[in-house]
Amino acid sequence: MLSKDTILFDLDGTLLDTKELILLSFQHTFREHLGIEVAREELLENFGEPLWNTLSRYTDGDLEPLVATYREHNLGNHDLMVEAFPGTKEIMSELKGRGFRVGVVTSKLRQSALKGLRLCRLEEYVECLITLDDSMPKHKPDPLPILLALEQLAVCADQAIMVGDSPADLGAAKAAGVDSAIVSWSVFPLDKLEKPTYWLKQWEDLLEIVEM
């Protein structure tokens, strides 16, 4: 019997390479509304949290205009800039073919998450999608999004593994009582992250882990 039969994935930075799109959308928004330049390195430190959290770090004013500008830029450039990381479609197809339950747990809104999954032709492999719409106002590193995924899939915590790229993914996994795995292509310095249950140098490592 397999030790793990459910794989929960983060989306941005784990399955999809959205880094440049997110950075440019933030920089465009801050220039338009606040007249400031924010360094890439500073923005990268806050990857993995909901949009409102990052924006609120730079202003205590009304966030709605900033949110609207960010989304307009992000959605308008989405299909030109977003792609799946190499091997992502293949590993998800392999997992599905072997009978694993596959879910995505993200701090994005459902509309944006679905747009990325459909663009990269990954939606067919995802049995469960938990977004900020489902868990609001709670989000990773709160365990609620992962717990909602486990409930929807009707599986126990010890049957699942959370695969991500950020401290928020690690915190949520630990709080939910599930094993964690961090991908080597994370935008966060790996030596600065809390140690996960597993490190993934490449997607093939995941197959070895879940069938141990």
Protein backbone atom coordinates (compact mmCIF):
# COMPACT_ATOMS: atom_id res chain seq x y z
CA MET A 1 0.00 0.00 0.00
CA LEU A 2 1.29 3.48 -0.87
CA SER A 3 2.36 5.57 2.10
CA LYS A 4 0.87 8.69 0.49
CA ASP A 5 -2.03 8.80 -1.93
CA THR A 6 -2.84 12.51 -2.00
CA ILE A 7 -0.64 15.27 -3.39
CA LEU A 8 -1.53 18.90 -2.69
CA PHE A 9 0.31 21.50 -4.75
CA ASP A 10 0.81 25.20 -4.31
CA LEU A 11 0.31 27.02 -7.62
CA ASP A 12 2.51 30.09 -8.19
CA GLY A 13 6.19 29.30 -7.89
CA THR A 14 5.53 25.56 -7.62
CA LEU A 15 3.54 24.47 -10.67
CA LEU A 16 3.50 27.75 -12.60
CA ASP A 17 6.32 30.20 -13.25
CA THR A 18 4.57 33.50 -12.56
CA LYS A 19 7.44 35.36 -10.91
CA GLU A 20 8.08 38.00 -13.57
CA LEU A 21 4.38 38.67 -14.11
CA ILE A 22 3.80 39.20 -10.38
CA LEU A 23 6.85 41.43 -9.99
CA LEU A 24 5.96 43.61 -12.96
CA SER A 25 2.33 43.89 -11.83
CA PHE A 26 3.37 45.07 -8.37
CA GLN A 27 5.93 47.52 -9.71
CA HIS A 28 3.43 48.94 -12.20
CA THR A 29 0.83 49.34 -9.44
CA PHE A 30 3.19 51.07 -7.02
CA ARG A 31 4.42 53.48 -9.68
CA GLU A 32 0.88 54.33 -10.81
CA HIS A 33 -0.66 54.90 -7.38
CA LEU A 34 2.14 55.61 -4.93
CA GLY A 35 4.91 56.98 -7.14
CA ILE A 36 7.46 54.63 -5.61
CA GLU A 37 9.86 52.01 -6.88
CA VAL A 38 10.04 48.78 -4.90
CA ALA A 39 13.03 46.52 -5.43
CA ARG A 40 12.46 43.03 -6.83
CA GLU A 41 14.28 41.48 -3.89
CA GLU A 42 11.94 43.18 -1.44
CA LEU A 43 8.84 42.03 -3.28
CA LEU A 44 10.13 38.47 -3.54
CA GLU A 45 10.28 38.27 0.25
CA ASN A 46 6.49 38.53 0.36
CA PHE A 47 5.68 36.00 -2.36
CA GLY A 48 3.10 33.45 -1.33
CA GLU A 49 0.81 35.81 0.58
CA PRO A 50 -2.49 37.24 -0.67
CA LEU A 51 -2.39 40.37 -2.82
CA TRP A 52 -4.00 42.60 -0.18
CA ASN A 53 -1.33 41.71 2.38
CA THR A 54 1.52 42.79 0.14
CA LEU A 55 -0.19 46.00 -0.97
CA SER A 56 -1.01 46.96 2.62
CA ARG A 57 2.70 46.92 3.47
CA TYR A 58 3.15 50.08 1.40
CA THR A 59 0.04 52.12 2.15
CA ASP A 60 -2.65 52.42 4.80
CA GLY A 61 -5.01 54.02 2.30
CA ASP A 62 -7.79 52.50 0.22
CA LEU A 63 -6.48 49.34 -1.41
CA GLU A 64 -9.27 48.85 -3.93
CA PRO A 65 -7.76 51.13 -6.65
CA LEU A 66 -4.40 49.36 -6.26
CA VAL A 67 -6.03 45.94 -6.42
CA ALA A 68 -7.87 46.94 -9.60
CA THR A 69 -4.69 48.22 -11.27
CA TYR A 70 -2.73 45.15 -10.25
CA ARG A 71 -5.38 42.79 -11.61
CA GLU A 72 -5.75 44.71 -14.86
CA HIS A 73 -2.02 44.52 -15.51
CA ASN A 74 -1.72 40.95 -14.29
CA LEU A 75 -4.64 39.55 -16.29
CA GLY A 76 -3.77 41.61 -19.35
CA ASN A 77 -0.26 40.13 -19.53
CA HIS A 78 -1.03 36.72 -18.03
CA ASP A 79 -1.12 34.54 -21.12
CA LEU A 80 2.06 36.08 -22.52
CA MET A 81 4.15 35.58 -19.40
CA VAL A 82 2.91 32.50 -17.52
CA GLU A 83 4.10 28.98 -18.17
CA ALA A 84 4.37 25.74 -16.28
CA PHE A 85 7.76 24.78 -14.91
CA PRO A 86 9.52 22.10 -16.99
CA GLY A 87 8.11 18.65 -16.35
CA THR A 88 5.04 19.87 -14.46
CA LYS A 89 2.43 18.58 -16.89
CA GLU A 90 4.25 15.26 -17.16
CA ILE A 91 4.46 14.70 -13.38
CA MET A 92 0.80 15.56 -12.86
CA SER A 93 -0.23 13.24 -15.67
CA GLU A 94 1.93 10.48 -14.18
CA LEU A 95 0.47 10.96 -10.70
CA LYS A 96 -3.07 10.91 -12.02
CA GLY A 97 -2.33 7.84 -14.09
CA ARG A 98 -1.03 6.01 -11.03
CA GLY A 99 -4.19 6.75 -9.10
CA PHE A 100 -3.02 9.54 -6.81
CA ARG A 101 -5.47 12.20 -5.65
CA VAL A 102 -4.26 15.61 -6.82
CA GLY A 103 -5.25 18.97 -5.39
CA VAL A 104 -4.11 22.58 -5.63
CA VAL A 105 -4.10 24.88 -2.61
CA THR A 106 -3.36 28.50 -3.46
CA SER A 107 -3.71 32.00 -2.00
CA LYS A 108 -4.93 33.26 -5.38
CA LEU A 109 -8.56 33.93 -6.18
CA ARG A 110 -10.34 31.16 -8.07
CA GLN A 111 -10.67 33.10 -11.34
CA SER A 112 -6.92 33.74 -11.51
CA ALA A 113 -6.00 30.21 -10.43
CA LEU A 114 -8.23 28.63 -13.07
CA LYS A 115 -6.83 30.94 -15.73
CA GLY A 116 -3.32 29.67 -15.06
CA LEU A 117 -4.31 26.02 -14.83
CA ARG A 118 -6.24 26.19 -18.09
CA LEU A 119 -3.52 28.11 -19.93
CA CYS A 120 -0.96 25.45 -19.02
CA ARG A 121 -3.42 22.58 -19.58
CA LEU A 122 -3.23 21.31 -16.02
CA GLU A 123 -6.87 21.62 -14.98
CA GLU A 124 -7.76 18.08 -16.04
CA TYR A 125 -5.36 16.63 -13.47
CA VAL A 126 -6.69 18.65 -10.53
CA GLU A 127 -9.44 16.93 -8.55
CA CYS A 128 -9.66 19.62 -5.87
CA LEU A 129 -8.93 23.35 -6.06
CA ILE A 130 -8.87 25.43 -2.87
CA THR A 131 -8.41 29.17 -3.39
CA LEU A 132 -8.63 32.32 -1.31
CA ASP A 133 -12.33 32.44 -2.17
CA ASP A 134 -12.81 29.26 -0.15
CA SER A 135 -10.74 30.10 2.93
CA MET A 136 -11.07 33.89 3.20
CA PRO A 137 -10.13 35.61 5.45
CA LYS A 138 -7.73 32.82 6.41
CA HIS A 139 -4.90 31.78 4.12
CA LYS A 140 -1.58 29.96 4.26
CA PRO A 141 0.27 29.67 6.64
CA ASP A 142 -3.04 29.11 8.42
CA PRO A 143 -3.89 25.40 8.04
CA LEU A 144 -7.49 26.02 6.94
CA PRO A 145 -6.88 25.86 3.14
CA ILE A 146 -5.14 22.49 3.48
CA LEU A 147 -7.78 21.20 5.88
CA LEU A 148 -10.48 22.20 3.39
CA ALA A 149 -8.68 20.26 0.66
CA LEU A 150 -8.40 17.17 2.87
CA GLU A 151 -12.09 17.43 3.73
CA GLN A 152 -13.10 17.82 0.09
CA LEU A 153 -11.00 14.83 -0.93
CA ALA A 154 -12.12 12.84 2.14
CA VAL A 155 -8.57 11.89 3.14
CA CYS A 156 -6.63 12.03 6.40
CA ALA A 157 -3.63 14.26 7.00
CA ASP A 158 -1.22 11.32 7.12
CA GLN A 159 -2.25 10.33 3.59
CA ALA A 160 -1.22 13.67 2.08
CA ILE A 161 1.83 15.71 1.25
CA MET A 162 1.89 19.45 0.56
CA VAL A 163 4.28 20.50 -2.20
CA GLY A 164 5.20 24.17 -2.28
CA ASP A 165 7.90 26.79 -2.52
CA SER A 166 7.34 29.22 0.33
CA PRO A 167 7.40 29.65 4.12
CA ALA A 168 3.60 29.96 3.94
CA ASP A 169 3.35 26.48 2.41
CA LEU A 170 5.61 25.05 5.09
CA GLY A 171 3.71 26.73 7.90
CA ALA A 172 0.33 25.58 6.62
CA ALA A 173 1.52 22.00 6.15
CA LYS A 174 2.99 21.82 9.64
CA ALA A 175 -0.13 23.30 11.22
CA ALA A 176 -2.37 20.92 9.28
CA GLY A 177 -0.30 17.89 10.25
CA VAL A 178 0.73 16.91 6.72
CA ASP A 179 4.19 16.22 5.36
CA SER A 180 5.78 18.96 3.27
CA ALA A 181 8.05 19.15 0.26
CA ILE A 182 9.81 22.23 -1.12
CA VAL A 183 10.84 22.54 -4.75
CA SER A 184 14.39 23.57 -5.58
CA TRP A 185 13.18 26.29 -7.98
CA SER A 186 11.65 28.28 -5.12
CA VAL A 187 12.25 32.05 -5.27
CA PHE A 188 13.14 31.86 -1.58
CA PRO A 189 16.75 31.00 -0.60
CA LEU A 190 16.54 27.35 0.37
CA ASP A 191 18.99 27.79 3.24
CA LYS A 192 16.66 30.40 4.76
CA LEU A 193 13.59 28.14 4.74
CA GLU A 194 12.54 25.99 7.65
CA LYS A 195 13.42 22.39 6.84
CA PRO A 196 10.54 20.58 5.10
CA THR A 197 9.90 16.87 5.33
CA TYR A 198 11.39 16.49 1.84
CA TRP A 199 13.36 18.52 -0.68
CA LEU A 200 12.57 18.13 -4.38
CA LYS A 201 15.51 18.75 -6.68
CA GLN A 202 13.38 17.64 -9.62
CA TRP A 203 9.83 16.43 -10.16
CA GLU A 204 10.94 12.80 -10.43
CA ASP A 205 11.93 12.94 -6.74
CA LEU A 206 8.25 13.27 -5.85
CA LEU A 207 7.41 9.87 -7.29
CA GLU A 208 10.12 8.25 -5.16
CA ILE A 209 8.83 9.96 -2.05
CA VAL A 210 5.16 9.10 -2.36
CA GLU A 211 5.90 5.45 -3.14
CA MET A 212 8.37 4.91 -0.29
